[in-house]
Amino acid sequence: MILYQYFLISALILSWKYKSSLIKFEYFILTVCIFEGIGKVMRIIYNNNTIVYNFYFVFLISYYIYIFSYEINKLLSKKIKLYELGLFLIISLITFCYYHNLNNLNAIAYNIGMLIVILLIYRYFYLLIIGKSYLNLSNTPLFWLASGILLFYSSAFPILSFTNIFITYDIQLARAFQKWVQYGNLFIAVSYNLVILCTYFKKV
């Protein structure tokens, strides 16, 4: 089992023991673990789990967009608007129809979705900087989530963007790169734990 999966399991345990202040975060972590488990089984049985991860990243990015949109609108004291989420889901549907094969990674929707998430993260950081005279970031769960996402995507997006090409022309190279992406997932998995722990220590 790769190290990041241990961090996912610890995040799952912690999320149900110490509730995070982020909306439905414990259910989010549970679903993440379920997808990871199904992906591992598909990899063993069929030697291909791309179809699972195509649905997985839609769920993952949708949650990221929702949670950052919610927090941004809360900082602005506005009613939550989910235009970005709707745009991402439409793009995902259109590009899935374009690929006609769920065994191909939908890199277009993935990268556009992550770009939307990153823009929301930058906006969130901007509002924190100009809207708060002092804020203890170590006690801010969304700060840790945002940091994990940025670290993961900055290290993994070149590989994820060209996965289908690697699969077509050099499957062994594609598998080697996928292992690298899994190690990059450590940033995300660690940030999930920090989201829960900083919420817990804030309450203590």
N, C-alpha and C. Protein backbone atom coordinates (compact mmCIF):
# COMPACT_ATOMS: atom_id res chain seq x y z
N MET A 1 0.84 -1.20 0.00
CA MET A 1 0.00 0.00 0.00
C MET A 1 0.88 1.25 0.00
N ILE A 2 0.62 2.17 -0.89
CA ILE A 2 1.41 3.39 -0.98
C ILE A 2 1.12 4.28 0.21
N LEU A 3 2.12 5.04 0.61
CA LEU A 3 2.05 5.84 1.83
C LEU A 3 0.82 6.75 1.87
N TYR A 4 0.46 7.35 0.72
CA TYR A 4 -0.66 8.30 0.75
C TYR A 4 -1.96 7.62 1.14
N GLN A 5 -2.07 6.32 0.85
CA GLN A 5 -3.29 5.61 1.22
C GLN A 5 -3.41 5.45 2.74
N TYR A 6 -2.27 5.33 3.41
CA TYR A 6 -2.29 5.32 4.87
C TYR A 6 -2.80 6.65 5.41
N PHE A 7 -2.36 7.74 4.78
CA PHE A 7 -2.83 9.06 5.20
C PHE A 7 -4.32 9.23 4.94
N LEU A 8 -4.81 8.64 3.85
CA LEU A 8 -6.25 8.69 3.57
C LEU A 8 -7.04 7.96 4.65
N ILE A 9 -6.55 6.80 5.04
CA ILE A 9 -7.22 6.02 6.09
C ILE A 9 -7.21 6.78 7.41
N SER A 10 -6.07 7.40 7.73
CA SER A 10 -6.00 8.17 8.98
C SER A 10 -6.94 9.37 8.93
N ALA A 11 -7.06 9.99 7.73
CA ALA A 11 -7.99 11.12 7.57
C ALA A 11 -9.43 10.65 7.75
N LEU A 12 -9.73 9.44 7.24
CA LEU A 12 -11.08 8.89 7.40
C LEU A 12 -11.41 8.67 8.86
N ILE A 13 -10.49 8.09 9.60
CA ILE A 13 -10.70 7.84 11.02
C ILE A 13 -10.86 9.14 11.79
N LEU A 14 -9.95 10.08 11.54
CA LEU A 14 -9.99 11.36 12.24
C LEU A 14 -11.25 12.16 11.91
N SER A 15 -11.69 12.07 10.64
CA SER A 15 -12.84 12.87 10.21
C SER A 15 -14.12 12.45 10.91
N TRP A 16 -14.21 11.17 11.29
CA TRP A 16 -15.40 10.70 11.99
C TRP A 16 -15.28 10.85 13.50
N LYS A 17 -14.03 10.93 13.97
CA LYS A 17 -13.83 11.12 15.41
C LYS A 17 -13.89 12.60 15.77
N TYR A 18 -13.26 13.44 14.95
CA TYR A 18 -13.24 14.89 15.18
C TYR A 18 -13.85 15.56 13.96
N LYS A 19 -15.05 16.02 14.06
CA LYS A 19 -15.74 16.62 12.93
C LYS A 19 -15.04 17.90 12.48
N SER A 20 -14.81 17.99 11.18
CA SER A 20 -14.20 19.19 10.63
C SER A 20 -15.26 20.28 10.49
N SER A 21 -14.78 21.52 10.47
CA SER A 21 -15.70 22.65 10.27
C SER A 21 -16.11 22.79 8.81
N LEU A 22 -15.43 22.09 7.90
CA LEU A 22 -15.80 22.13 6.49
C LEU A 22 -17.05 21.28 6.27
N ILE A 23 -17.93 21.74 5.41
CA ILE A 23 -19.22 21.10 5.19
C ILE A 23 -19.07 19.67 4.68
N LYS A 24 -19.69 18.71 5.39
CA LYS A 24 -19.74 17.31 4.98
C LYS A 24 -18.36 16.73 4.68
N PHE A 25 -17.34 17.20 5.37
CA PHE A 25 -15.98 16.76 5.05
C PHE A 25 -15.79 15.27 5.34
N GLU A 26 -16.44 14.77 6.39
CA GLU A 26 -16.28 13.35 6.72
C GLU A 26 -16.88 12.46 5.63
N TYR A 27 -18.00 12.91 5.02
CA TYR A 27 -18.59 12.14 3.92
C TYR A 27 -17.73 12.25 2.66
N PHE A 28 -17.12 13.40 2.48
CA PHE A 28 -16.20 13.59 1.37
C PHE A 28 -15.03 12.61 1.47
N ILE A 29 -14.41 12.53 2.65
CA ILE A 29 -13.27 11.63 2.85
C ILE A 29 -13.71 10.17 2.67
N LEU A 30 -14.87 9.82 3.18
CA LEU A 30 -15.39 8.46 3.01
C LEU A 30 -15.53 8.11 1.54
N THR A 31 -16.09 9.02 0.76
CA THR A 31 -16.27 8.78 -0.68
C THR A 31 -14.93 8.67 -1.40
N VAL A 32 -13.97 9.50 -1.00
CA VAL A 32 -12.62 9.43 -1.57
C VAL A 32 -12.03 8.04 -1.34
N CYS A 33 -12.15 7.54 -0.13
CA CYS A 33 -11.61 6.21 0.20
C CYS A 33 -12.31 5.11 -0.59
N ILE A 34 -13.62 5.25 -0.77
CA ILE A 34 -14.38 4.25 -1.56
C ILE A 34 -13.88 4.24 -3.01
N PHE A 35 -13.72 5.43 -3.60
CA PHE A 35 -13.20 5.50 -4.97
C PHE A 35 -11.81 4.89 -5.08
N GLU A 36 -10.96 5.21 -4.11
CA GLU A 36 -9.60 4.66 -4.13
C GLU A 36 -9.63 3.14 -4.03
N GLY A 37 -10.52 2.61 -3.18
CA GLY A 37 -10.64 1.17 -3.03
C GLY A 37 -11.12 0.50 -4.31
N ILE A 38 -12.15 1.08 -4.94
CA ILE A 38 -12.67 0.53 -6.19
C ILE A 38 -11.60 0.60 -7.28
N GLY A 39 -10.87 1.71 -7.32
CA GLY A 39 -9.80 1.86 -8.30
C GLY A 39 -8.72 0.80 -8.15
N LYS A 40 -8.38 0.49 -6.92
CA LYS A 40 -7.36 -0.54 -6.66
C LYS A 40 -7.85 -1.92 -7.09
N VAL A 41 -9.12 -2.24 -6.81
CA VAL A 41 -9.70 -3.52 -7.21
C VAL A 41 -9.74 -3.64 -8.74
N MET A 42 -10.18 -2.56 -9.41
CA MET A 42 -10.24 -2.56 -10.87
C MET A 42 -8.85 -2.74 -11.48
N ARG A 43 -7.87 -2.14 -10.85
CA ARG A 43 -6.48 -2.26 -11.34
C ARG A 43 -6.01 -3.71 -11.25
N ILE A 44 -6.38 -4.39 -10.18
CA ILE A 44 -5.97 -5.79 -9.99
C ILE A 44 -6.71 -6.72 -10.94
N ILE A 45 -8.02 -6.52 -11.06
CA ILE A 45 -8.84 -7.45 -11.86
C ILE A 45 -8.72 -7.19 -13.35
N TYR A 46 -8.84 -5.91 -13.75
CA TYR A 46 -8.90 -5.58 -15.18
C TYR A 46 -7.63 -4.90 -15.70
N ASN A 47 -6.69 -4.62 -14.80
CA ASN A 47 -5.44 -3.95 -15.17
C ASN A 47 -5.69 -2.55 -15.75
N ASN A 48 -6.86 -1.99 -15.45
CA ASN A 48 -7.20 -0.65 -15.95
C ASN A 48 -8.28 -0.06 -15.04
N ASN A 49 -7.98 1.07 -14.44
CA ASN A 49 -8.96 1.71 -13.55
C ASN A 49 -9.28 3.14 -13.96
N THR A 50 -8.98 3.48 -15.22
CA THR A 50 -9.20 4.85 -15.70
C THR A 50 -10.66 5.25 -15.61
N ILE A 51 -11.56 4.32 -15.92
CA ILE A 51 -12.99 4.64 -15.89
C ILE A 51 -13.42 5.09 -14.50
N VAL A 52 -12.85 4.45 -13.45
CA VAL A 52 -13.16 4.82 -12.07
C VAL A 52 -12.68 6.23 -11.78
N TYR A 53 -11.46 6.52 -12.21
CA TYR A 53 -10.88 7.83 -11.91
C TYR A 53 -11.53 8.95 -12.72
N ASN A 54 -12.13 8.62 -13.86
CA ASN A 54 -12.88 9.64 -14.60
C ASN A 54 -14.08 10.13 -13.79
N PHE A 55 -14.76 9.22 -13.11
CA PHE A 55 -15.87 9.62 -12.25
C PHE A 55 -15.35 10.22 -10.94
N TYR A 56 -14.25 9.68 -10.48
CA TYR A 56 -13.64 10.13 -9.22
C TYR A 56 -13.27 11.61 -9.28
N PHE A 57 -12.58 12.02 -10.35
CA PHE A 57 -12.13 13.41 -10.39
C PHE A 57 -13.29 14.38 -10.55
N VAL A 58 -14.40 13.93 -11.18
CA VAL A 58 -15.57 14.81 -11.27
C VAL A 58 -16.13 15.07 -9.87
N PHE A 59 -16.22 14.02 -9.08
CA PHE A 59 -16.67 14.18 -7.69
C PHE A 59 -15.70 15.07 -6.90
N LEU A 60 -14.41 14.79 -7.03
CA LEU A 60 -13.39 15.49 -6.27
C LEU A 60 -13.40 16.99 -6.57
N ILE A 61 -13.35 17.32 -7.84
CA ILE A 61 -13.30 18.73 -8.25
C ILE A 61 -14.61 19.43 -7.91
N SER A 62 -15.73 18.72 -8.05
CA SER A 62 -17.03 19.32 -7.70
C SER A 62 -17.06 19.73 -6.23
N TYR A 63 -16.52 18.87 -5.36
CA TYR A 63 -16.48 19.22 -3.94
C TYR A 63 -15.57 20.42 -3.70
N TYR A 64 -14.40 20.41 -4.33
CA TYR A 64 -13.48 21.54 -4.17
C TYR A 64 -14.13 22.86 -4.59
N ILE A 65 -14.78 22.83 -5.76
CA ILE A 65 -15.43 24.05 -6.26
C ILE A 65 -16.52 24.49 -5.29
N TYR A 66 -17.31 23.53 -4.81
CA TYR A 66 -18.39 23.87 -3.90
C TYR A 66 -17.87 24.50 -2.61
N ILE A 67 -16.88 23.86 -2.00
CA ILE A 67 -16.42 24.31 -0.68
C ILE A 67 -15.75 25.67 -0.76
N PHE A 68 -14.98 25.92 -1.84
CA PHE A 68 -14.33 27.22 -1.97
C PHE A 68 -15.34 28.30 -2.36
N SER A 69 -16.31 27.96 -3.21
CA SER A 69 -17.37 28.92 -3.54
C SER A 69 -18.15 29.30 -2.29
N TYR A 70 -18.45 28.30 -1.47
CA TYR A 70 -19.19 28.55 -0.23
C TYR A 70 -18.41 29.48 0.70
N GLU A 71 -17.13 29.19 0.91
CA GLU A 71 -16.33 30.01 1.82
C GLU A 71 -16.10 31.41 1.29
N ILE A 72 -15.92 31.54 -0.02
CA ILE A 72 -15.73 32.87 -0.63
C ILE A 72 -16.98 33.72 -0.44
N ASN A 73 -18.14 33.14 -0.73
CA ASN A 73 -19.38 33.89 -0.58
C ASN A 73 -19.68 34.21 0.87
N LYS A 74 -19.23 33.34 1.79
CA LYS A 74 -19.40 33.62 3.22
C LYS A 74 -18.53 34.81 3.62
N LEU A 75 -17.30 34.86 3.10
CA LEU A 75 -16.42 36.01 3.39
C LEU A 75 -16.99 37.30 2.82
N LEU A 76 -17.68 37.18 1.69
CA LEU A 76 -18.27 38.36 1.06
C LEU A 76 -19.68 38.66 1.58
N SER A 77 -20.16 37.82 2.51
CA SER A 77 -21.52 37.95 3.05
C SER A 77 -22.57 37.94 1.94
N LYS A 78 -22.37 37.04 0.99
CA LYS A 78 -23.30 36.90 -0.12
C LYS A 78 -23.92 35.51 -0.13
N LYS A 79 -25.04 35.39 -0.82
CA LYS A 79 -25.67 34.09 -1.01
C LYS A 79 -24.78 33.24 -1.90
N ILE A 80 -24.67 31.95 -1.55
CA ILE A 80 -23.79 31.07 -2.31
C ILE A 80 -24.25 30.94 -3.76
N LYS A 81 -23.28 31.06 -4.67
CA LYS A 81 -23.54 30.92 -6.10
C LYS A 81 -22.65 29.81 -6.63
N LEU A 82 -23.21 28.96 -7.47
CA LEU A 82 -22.48 27.79 -7.94
C LEU A 82 -22.30 27.81 -9.46
N TYR A 83 -22.04 29.00 -10.00
CA TYR A 83 -21.84 29.12 -11.45
C TYR A 83 -20.64 28.28 -11.91
N GLU A 84 -19.56 28.34 -11.14
CA GLU A 84 -18.34 27.62 -11.51
C GLU A 84 -18.58 26.11 -11.52
N LEU A 85 -19.36 25.63 -10.54
CA LEU A 85 -19.66 24.20 -10.47
C LEU A 85 -20.49 23.77 -11.66
N GLY A 86 -21.50 24.56 -12.00
CA GLY A 86 -22.32 24.26 -13.17
C GLY A 86 -21.51 24.24 -14.45
N LEU A 87 -20.59 25.22 -14.58
CA LEU A 87 -19.73 25.28 -15.77
C LEU A 87 -18.86 24.03 -15.87
N PHE A 88 -18.28 23.62 -14.75
CA PHE A 88 -17.41 22.44 -14.75
C PHE A 88 -18.19 21.18 -15.14
N LEU A 89 -19.39 21.01 -14.60
CA LEU A 89 -20.18 19.81 -14.89
C LEU A 89 -20.59 19.77 -16.37
N ILE A 90 -20.90 20.93 -16.93
CA ILE A 90 -21.25 20.99 -18.35
C ILE A 90 -20.04 20.63 -19.21
N ILE A 91 -18.88 21.19 -18.87
CA ILE A 91 -17.64 20.88 -19.60
C ILE A 91 -17.33 19.39 -19.51
N SER A 92 -17.51 18.81 -18.31
CA SER A 92 -17.24 17.38 -18.13
C SER A 92 -18.14 16.54 -19.03
N LEU A 93 -19.42 16.88 -19.07
CA LEU A 93 -20.37 16.13 -19.89
C LEU A 93 -20.00 16.22 -21.37
N ILE A 94 -19.69 17.44 -21.83
CA ILE A 94 -19.36 17.64 -23.25
C ILE A 94 -18.10 16.87 -23.63
N THR A 95 -17.08 16.94 -22.78
CA THR A 95 -15.82 16.28 -23.10
C THR A 95 -15.91 14.76 -22.97
N PHE A 96 -16.75 14.26 -22.06
CA PHE A 96 -16.98 12.81 -22.01
C PHE A 96 -17.61 12.34 -23.31
N CYS A 97 -18.54 13.11 -23.84
CA CYS A 97 -19.15 12.77 -25.13
C CYS A 97 -18.12 12.83 -26.25
N TYR A 98 -17.18 13.76 -26.15
CA TYR A 98 -16.13 13.91 -27.16
C TYR A 98 -15.21 12.70 -27.18
N TYR A 99 -14.81 12.22 -25.99
CA TYR A 99 -13.89 11.09 -25.93
C TYR A 99 -14.55 9.77 -26.34
N HIS A 100 -15.82 9.62 -26.08
CA HIS A 100 -16.58 8.40 -26.41
C HIS A 100 -16.01 7.15 -25.73
N ASN A 101 -15.12 7.30 -24.81
CA ASN A 101 -14.50 6.13 -24.18
C ASN A 101 -14.03 6.51 -22.78
N LEU A 102 -14.69 5.99 -21.78
CA LEU A 102 -14.35 6.33 -20.41
C LEU A 102 -13.04 5.71 -19.96
N ASN A 103 -12.45 4.84 -20.81
CA ASN A 103 -11.14 4.29 -20.49
C ASN A 103 -10.01 5.24 -20.87
N ASN A 104 -10.37 6.35 -21.51
CA ASN A 104 -9.41 7.44 -21.73
C ASN A 104 -9.60 8.47 -20.63
N LEU A 105 -8.50 8.93 -20.05
CA LEU A 105 -8.60 9.96 -19.03
C LEU A 105 -9.13 11.24 -19.65
N ASN A 106 -10.18 11.81 -19.06
CA ASN A 106 -10.75 13.05 -19.58
C ASN A 106 -9.90 14.22 -19.10
N ALA A 107 -8.72 14.35 -19.72
CA ALA A 107 -7.74 15.33 -19.29
C ALA A 107 -8.23 16.77 -19.50
N ILE A 108 -9.05 16.99 -20.52
CA ILE A 108 -9.54 18.34 -20.79
C ILE A 108 -10.40 18.83 -19.63
N ALA A 109 -11.40 18.03 -19.24
CA ALA A 109 -12.28 18.42 -18.14
C ALA A 109 -11.50 18.50 -16.83
N TYR A 110 -10.58 17.56 -16.64
CA TYR A 110 -9.80 17.56 -15.40
C TYR A 110 -9.00 18.85 -15.25
N ASN A 111 -8.28 19.22 -16.29
CA ASN A 111 -7.43 20.41 -16.19
C ASN A 111 -8.24 21.71 -16.13
N ILE A 112 -9.35 21.77 -16.87
CA ILE A 112 -10.21 22.95 -16.78
C ILE A 112 -10.82 23.04 -15.38
N GLY A 113 -11.25 21.90 -14.85
CA GLY A 113 -11.82 21.88 -13.49
C GLY A 113 -10.81 22.33 -12.46
N MET A 114 -9.58 21.82 -12.56
CA MET A 114 -8.55 22.22 -11.61
C MET A 114 -8.17 23.68 -11.77
N LEU A 115 -8.21 24.19 -12.98
CA LEU A 115 -7.96 25.61 -13.20
C LEU A 115 -9.01 26.45 -12.49
N ILE A 116 -10.29 26.04 -12.57
CA ILE A 116 -11.36 26.74 -11.85
C ILE A 116 -11.10 26.71 -10.35
N VAL A 117 -10.70 25.52 -9.84
CA VAL A 117 -10.40 25.40 -8.41
C VAL A 117 -9.26 26.33 -8.01
N ILE A 118 -8.20 26.37 -8.80
CA ILE A 118 -7.04 27.20 -8.47
C ILE A 118 -7.41 28.69 -8.49
N LEU A 119 -8.22 29.10 -9.45
CA LEU A 119 -8.67 30.50 -9.49
C LEU A 119 -9.50 30.83 -8.24
N LEU A 120 -10.33 29.89 -7.81
CA LEU A 120 -11.11 30.10 -6.58
C LEU A 120 -10.19 30.16 -5.36
N ILE A 121 -9.15 29.33 -5.35
CA ILE A 121 -8.19 29.36 -4.25
C ILE A 121 -7.49 30.71 -4.18
N TYR A 122 -7.05 31.22 -5.32
CA TYR A 122 -6.38 32.52 -5.34
C TYR A 122 -7.32 33.62 -4.87
N ARG A 123 -8.58 33.52 -5.27
CA ARG A 123 -9.55 34.52 -4.82
C ARG A 123 -9.77 34.41 -3.32
N TYR A 124 -9.83 33.19 -2.83
CA TYR A 124 -9.99 32.97 -1.39
C TYR A 124 -8.80 33.55 -0.62
N PHE A 125 -7.58 33.29 -1.09
CA PHE A 125 -6.39 33.84 -0.45
C PHE A 125 -6.42 35.38 -0.48
N TYR A 126 -6.83 35.93 -1.61
CA TYR A 126 -6.89 37.39 -1.74
C TYR A 126 -7.86 37.99 -0.72
N LEU A 127 -9.03 37.35 -0.58
CA LEU A 127 -10.01 37.86 0.39
C LEU A 127 -9.52 37.73 1.82
N LEU A 128 -8.76 36.66 2.10
CA LEU A 128 -8.19 36.51 3.43
C LEU A 128 -7.20 37.63 3.73
N ILE A 129 -6.39 37.96 2.72
CA ILE A 129 -5.33 38.96 2.92
C ILE A 129 -5.91 40.36 3.10
N ILE A 130 -6.88 40.73 2.24
CA ILE A 130 -7.41 42.09 2.32
C ILE A 130 -8.54 42.22 3.33
N GLY A 131 -9.16 41.08 3.70
CA GLY A 131 -10.33 41.16 4.55
C GLY A 131 -10.07 40.92 6.02
N LYS A 132 -8.91 40.39 6.34
CA LYS A 132 -8.59 40.07 7.73
C LYS A 132 -7.31 40.80 8.15
N SER A 133 -7.40 41.56 9.23
CA SER A 133 -6.21 42.25 9.72
C SER A 133 -5.22 41.25 10.31
N TYR A 134 -5.74 40.18 10.92
CA TYR A 134 -4.87 39.12 11.42
C TYR A 134 -5.66 37.82 11.43
N LEU A 135 -5.03 36.78 10.90
CA LEU A 135 -5.68 35.49 10.86
C LEU A 135 -4.64 34.41 11.09
N ASN A 136 -4.88 33.56 12.06
CA ASN A 136 -3.99 32.45 12.34
C ASN A 136 -4.26 31.34 11.33
N LEU A 137 -3.43 31.25 10.29
CA LEU A 137 -3.66 30.30 9.22
C LEU A 137 -3.55 28.86 9.69
N SER A 138 -2.78 28.63 10.74
CA SER A 138 -2.64 27.26 11.25
C SER A 138 -3.96 26.73 11.79
N ASN A 139 -4.89 27.62 12.11
CA ASN A 139 -6.22 27.22 12.59
C ASN A 139 -7.31 27.39 11.54
N THR A 140 -6.90 27.51 10.28
CA THR A 140 -7.85 27.72 9.20
C THR A 140 -7.87 26.48 8.30
N PRO A 141 -8.87 25.60 8.44
CA PRO A 141 -8.88 24.34 7.70
C PRO A 141 -8.76 24.50 6.19
N LEU A 142 -9.47 25.48 5.63
CA LEU A 142 -9.47 25.62 4.17
C LEU A 142 -8.10 26.04 3.64
N PHE A 143 -7.31 26.71 4.47
CA PHE A 143 -5.95 27.08 4.07
C PHE A 143 -5.12 25.82 3.79
N TRP A 144 -5.25 24.81 4.66
CA TRP A 144 -4.49 23.58 4.49
C TRP A 144 -4.98 22.79 3.28
N LEU A 145 -6.29 22.78 3.06
CA LEU A 145 -6.82 22.10 1.88
C LEU A 145 -6.31 22.77 0.61
N ALA A 146 -6.36 24.10 0.59
CA ALA A 146 -5.89 24.85 -0.58
C ALA A 146 -4.41 24.59 -0.84
N SER A 147 -3.62 24.55 0.21
CA SER A 147 -2.18 24.32 0.07
C SER A 147 -1.90 22.94 -0.52
N GLY A 148 -2.62 21.93 -0.03
CA GLY A 148 -2.44 20.58 -0.55
C GLY A 148 -2.81 20.48 -2.02
N ILE A 149 -3.91 21.13 -2.41
CA ILE A 149 -4.34 21.11 -3.82
C ILE A 149 -3.30 21.78 -4.71
N LEU A 150 -2.81 22.94 -4.30
CA LEU A 150 -1.83 23.67 -5.10
C LEU A 150 -0.54 22.88 -5.24
N LEU A 151 -0.07 22.27 -4.17
CA LEU A 151 1.17 21.49 -4.22
C LEU A 151 1.01 20.26 -5.11
N PHE A 152 -0.14 19.59 -4.99
CA PHE A 152 -0.37 18.41 -5.82
C PHE A 152 -0.44 18.79 -7.30
N TYR A 153 -1.28 19.76 -7.62
CA TYR A 153 -1.52 20.06 -9.04
C TYR A 153 -0.27 20.63 -9.71
N SER A 154 0.49 21.43 -8.99
CA SER A 154 1.71 22.00 -9.58
C SER A 154 2.74 20.93 -9.88
N SER A 155 2.70 19.82 -9.14
CA SER A 155 3.68 18.76 -9.36
C SER A 155 3.18 17.69 -10.33
N ALA A 156 1.86 17.55 -10.48
CA ALA A 156 1.32 16.43 -11.26
C ALA A 156 0.67 16.80 -12.58
N PHE A 157 0.36 18.10 -12.81
CA PHE A 157 -0.44 18.41 -13.99
C PHE A 157 0.24 18.09 -15.32
N PRO A 158 1.59 18.19 -15.44
CA PRO A 158 2.18 17.82 -16.74
C PRO A 158 1.94 16.35 -17.09
N ILE A 159 2.02 15.49 -16.08
CA ILE A 159 1.82 14.05 -16.30
C ILE A 159 0.36 13.77 -16.64
N LEU A 160 -0.56 14.36 -15.86
CA LEU A 160 -1.98 14.11 -16.07
C LEU A 160 -2.46 14.65 -17.41
N SER A 161 -1.86 15.72 -17.89
CA SER A 161 -2.27 16.33 -19.15
C SER A 161 -1.97 15.42 -20.35
N PHE A 162 -0.91 14.61 -20.23
CA PHE A 162 -0.49 13.79 -21.38
C PHE A 162 -0.62 12.29 -21.12
N THR A 163 -1.44 11.93 -20.13
CA THR A 163 -1.60 10.51 -19.79
C THR A 163 -2.07 9.67 -20.97
N ASN A 164 -3.05 10.16 -21.72
CA ASN A 164 -3.59 9.38 -22.84
C ASN A 164 -2.53 9.12 -23.91
N ILE A 165 -1.66 10.09 -24.13
CA ILE A 165 -0.57 9.92 -25.11
C ILE A 165 0.40 8.86 -24.62
N PHE A 166 0.74 8.92 -23.33
CA PHE A 166 1.66 7.93 -22.77
C PHE A 166 1.06 6.52 -22.86
N ILE A 167 -0.25 6.41 -22.57
CA ILE A 167 -0.91 5.11 -22.63
C ILE A 167 -0.88 4.55 -24.04
N THR A 168 -1.09 5.42 -25.03
CA THR A 168 -1.13 4.99 -26.43
C THR A 168 0.23 4.53 -26.93
N TYR A 169 1.29 5.28 -26.59
CA TYR A 169 2.59 5.02 -27.20
C TYR A 169 3.58 4.27 -26.29
N ASP A 170 3.38 4.34 -24.99
CA ASP A 170 4.32 3.65 -24.09
C ASP A 170 3.63 3.38 -22.77
N ILE A 171 2.96 2.22 -22.68
CA ILE A 171 2.17 1.91 -21.50
C ILE A 171 3.04 1.77 -20.25
N GLN A 172 4.26 1.26 -20.41
CA GLN A 172 5.15 1.12 -19.26
C GLN A 172 5.54 2.48 -18.70
N LEU A 173 5.80 3.43 -19.59
CA LEU A 173 6.12 4.78 -19.14
C LEU A 173 4.92 5.41 -18.45
N ALA A 174 3.72 5.16 -18.99
CA ALA A 174 2.49 5.68 -18.39
C ALA A 174 2.32 5.16 -16.97
N ARG A 175 2.59 3.88 -16.78
CA ARG A 175 2.47 3.29 -15.44
C ARG A 175 3.51 3.86 -14.48
N ALA A 176 4.70 4.10 -14.99
CA ALA A 176 5.75 4.69 -14.15
C ALA A 176 5.34 6.10 -13.72
N PHE A 177 4.77 6.87 -14.64
CA PHE A 177 4.32 8.23 -14.31
C PHE A 177 3.15 8.20 -13.34
N GLN A 178 2.27 7.20 -13.48
CA GLN A 178 1.14 7.10 -12.57
C GLN A 178 1.60 6.87 -11.13
N LYS A 179 2.69 6.14 -10.97
CA LYS A 179 3.25 5.94 -9.64
C LYS A 179 3.74 7.28 -9.08
N TRP A 180 4.30 8.10 -9.93
CA TRP A 180 4.76 9.42 -9.50
C TRP A 180 3.57 10.27 -9.05
N VAL A 181 2.47 10.19 -9.80
CA VAL A 181 1.25 10.93 -9.43
C VAL A 181 0.74 10.47 -8.08
N GLN A 182 0.82 9.17 -7.82
CA GLN A 182 0.36 8.64 -6.55
C GLN A 182 1.19 9.19 -5.39
N TYR A 183 2.47 9.35 -5.61
CA TYR A 183 3.29 9.96 -4.57
C TYR A 183 2.94 11.44 -4.42
N GLY A 184 2.59 12.08 -5.53
CA GLY A 184 2.14 13.46 -5.45
C GLY A 184 0.86 13.61 -4.65
N ASN A 185 0.07 12.54 -4.64
CA ASN A 185 -1.17 12.54 -3.85
C ASN A 185 -0.92 12.70 -2.36
N LEU A 186 0.32 12.47 -1.94
CA LEU A 186 0.67 12.67 -0.53
C LEU A 186 0.33 14.07 -0.06
N PHE A 187 0.55 15.06 -0.93
CA PHE A 187 0.24 16.44 -0.56
C PHE A 187 -1.23 16.59 -0.19
N ILE A 188 -2.09 15.97 -1.02
CA ILE A 188 -3.53 16.05 -0.78
C ILE A 188 -3.91 15.30 0.49
N ALA A 189 -3.41 14.06 0.61
CA ALA A 189 -3.78 13.23 1.75
C ALA A 189 -3.33 13.84 3.08
N VAL A 190 -2.13 14.41 3.09
CA VAL A 190 -1.64 15.07 4.31
C VAL A 190 -2.51 16.28 4.63
N SER A 191 -2.89 17.03 3.59
CA SER A 191 -3.72 18.22 3.83
C SER A 191 -5.08 17.85 4.40
N TYR A 192 -5.65 16.69 4.00
CA TYR A 192 -6.92 16.24 4.57
C TYR A 192 -6.78 16.05 6.08
N ASN A 193 -5.68 15.43 6.50
CA ASN A 193 -5.43 15.24 7.93
C ASN A 193 -5.28 16.57 8.65
N LEU A 194 -4.59 17.51 8.02
CA LEU A 194 -4.37 18.81 8.65
C LEU A 194 -5.67 19.60 8.77
N VAL A 195 -6.56 19.43 7.80
CA VAL A 195 -7.88 20.08 7.87
C VAL A 195 -8.60 19.67 9.15
N ILE A 196 -8.56 18.38 9.44
CA ILE A 196 -9.27 17.86 10.62
C ILE A 196 -8.55 18.24 11.90
N LEU A 197 -7.22 18.08 11.91
CA LEU A 197 -6.45 18.35 13.12
C LEU A 197 -6.50 19.81 13.54
N CYS A 198 -6.42 20.72 12.57
CA CYS A 198 -6.44 22.14 12.95
C CYS A 198 -7.83 22.54 13.45
N THR A 199 -8.88 21.88 12.93
CA THR A 199 -10.23 22.12 13.47
C THR A 199 -10.31 21.63 14.90
N TYR A 200 -9.72 20.46 15.17
CA TYR A 200 -9.75 19.90 16.51
C TYR A 200 -8.99 20.79 17.50
N PHE A 201 -7.76 21.19 17.13
CA PHE A 201 -6.95 22.00 18.05
C PHE A 201 -7.53 23.39 18.25
N LYS A 202 -8.29 23.86 17.26
CA LYS A 202 -8.94 25.16 17.41
C LYS A 202 -10.01 25.10 18.48
N LYS A 203 -10.67 23.92 18.60
CA LYS A 203 -11.73 23.76 19.59
C LYS A 203 -11.18 23.53 21.00
N VAL A 204 -9.96 22.97 21.05
CA VAL A 204 -9.39 22.64 22.38
C VAL A 204 -8.99 23.88 23.14
